[in-house]
């Protein structure tokens, strides 16, 4: 499995985890985690650099682009 795909899976798991925490009534923690995810996605969008993806590419191979 490649780094980009694992990264998307991790983001989906994180969002599900936040939803579960909010459902359990821990709204402050859910808010902070959601804010963290949003800030990381904004950094990635504006700078084209994602620290999580950078670390995953050190461990896993990058996905090959199909022309």
Protein backbone atom coordinates (compact mmCIF):
# COMPACT_ATOMS: atom_id res chain seq x y z
CA UNK A 1 0.00 0.00 0.00
CA UNK A 2 1.29 3.46 -0.82
CA UNK A 3 1.71 6.49 1.43
CA UNK A 4 -1.02 8.64 -0.14
CA UNK A 5 -3.67 5.95 0.25
CA UNK A 6 -2.66 5.23 3.85
CA UNK A 7 -2.80 8.96 4.54
CA UNK A 8 -6.40 9.18 3.32
CA UNK A 9 -7.31 6.14 5.42
CA UNK A 10 -5.74 7.73 8.51
CA UNK A 11 -7.69 10.96 7.93
CA UNK A 12 -10.95 8.98 7.62
CA UNK A 13 -10.17 7.05 10.82
CA UNK A 14 -9.35 10.28 12.64
CA UNK A 15 -12.63 11.88 11.57
CA UNK A 16 -14.52 8.78 12.69
CA UNK A 17 -12.70 8.87 16.01
CA UNK A 18 -13.69 12.53 16.48
CA UNK A 19 -17.30 11.65 15.67
CA UNK A 20 -17.23 8.86 18.27
CA UNK A 21 -15.75 11.15 20.91
CA UNK A 22 -18.42 13.77 20.20
CA UNK A 23 -21.10 11.09 20.45
CA UNK A 24 -19.72 10.07 23.84
CA UNK A 25 -20.21 13.62 25.07
CA UNK A 26 -16.58 14.73 25.18
CA UNK A 27 -17.21 17.82 23.07
CA UNK A 28 -14.12 19.81 24.09
CA UNK A 29 -11.76 17.01 23.09
CA UNK A 30 -13.68 16.38 19.87
CA UNK A 31 -13.54 20.08 19.04
CA UNK A 32 -9.78 20.25 19.63
CA UNK A 33 -9.09 17.16 17.52
CA UNK A 34 -11.34 18.42 14.73
CA UNK A 35 -9.60 21.81 14.85
CA UNK A 36 -6.22 20.05 14.57
CA UNK A 37 -7.37 18.09 11.50
CA UNK A 38 -8.74 21.27 9.91
CA UNK A 39 -5.52 23.21 10.52
CA UNK A 40 -3.41 20.40 9.06
CA UNK A 41 -5.63 20.24 5.96
CA UNK A 42 -5.43 24.02 5.53
CA UNK A 43 -1.63 23.94 5.85
CA UNK A 44 -1.57 21.20 3.21
CA UNK A 45 -3.90 23.18 0.93
CA UNK A 46 -2.02 26.48 1.12
CA UNK A 47 1.58 25.25 1.21
CA UNK A 48 1.31 21.87 -0.57
CA UNK A 49 3.20 20.38 2.39
CA UNK A 50 1.62 17.88 4.78
CA UNK A 51 3.74 16.79 7.75
CA UNK A 52 1.81 13.52 8.10
CA UNK A 53 2.29 12.64 4.45
CA UNK A 54 5.95 13.62 4.69
CA UNK A 55 6.46 11.14 7.54
CA UNK A 56 4.47 8.39 5.81
CA UNK A 57 6.58 8.75 2.66
CA UNK A 58 9.66 8.05 4.79
CA UNK A 59 8.11 4.69 5.76
CA UNK A 60 6.01 3.71 2.75
CA UNK A 61 6.61 4.20 -0.99
CA UNK A 62 4.75 7.04 -2.73
CA UNK A 63 1.90 6.17 -5.06
CA UNK A 64 2.78 5.96 -8.73
CA UNK A 65 1.01 8.47 -10.94
CA UNK A 66 -0.72 6.99 -13.97
CA UNK A 67 -0.46 9.10 -17.10
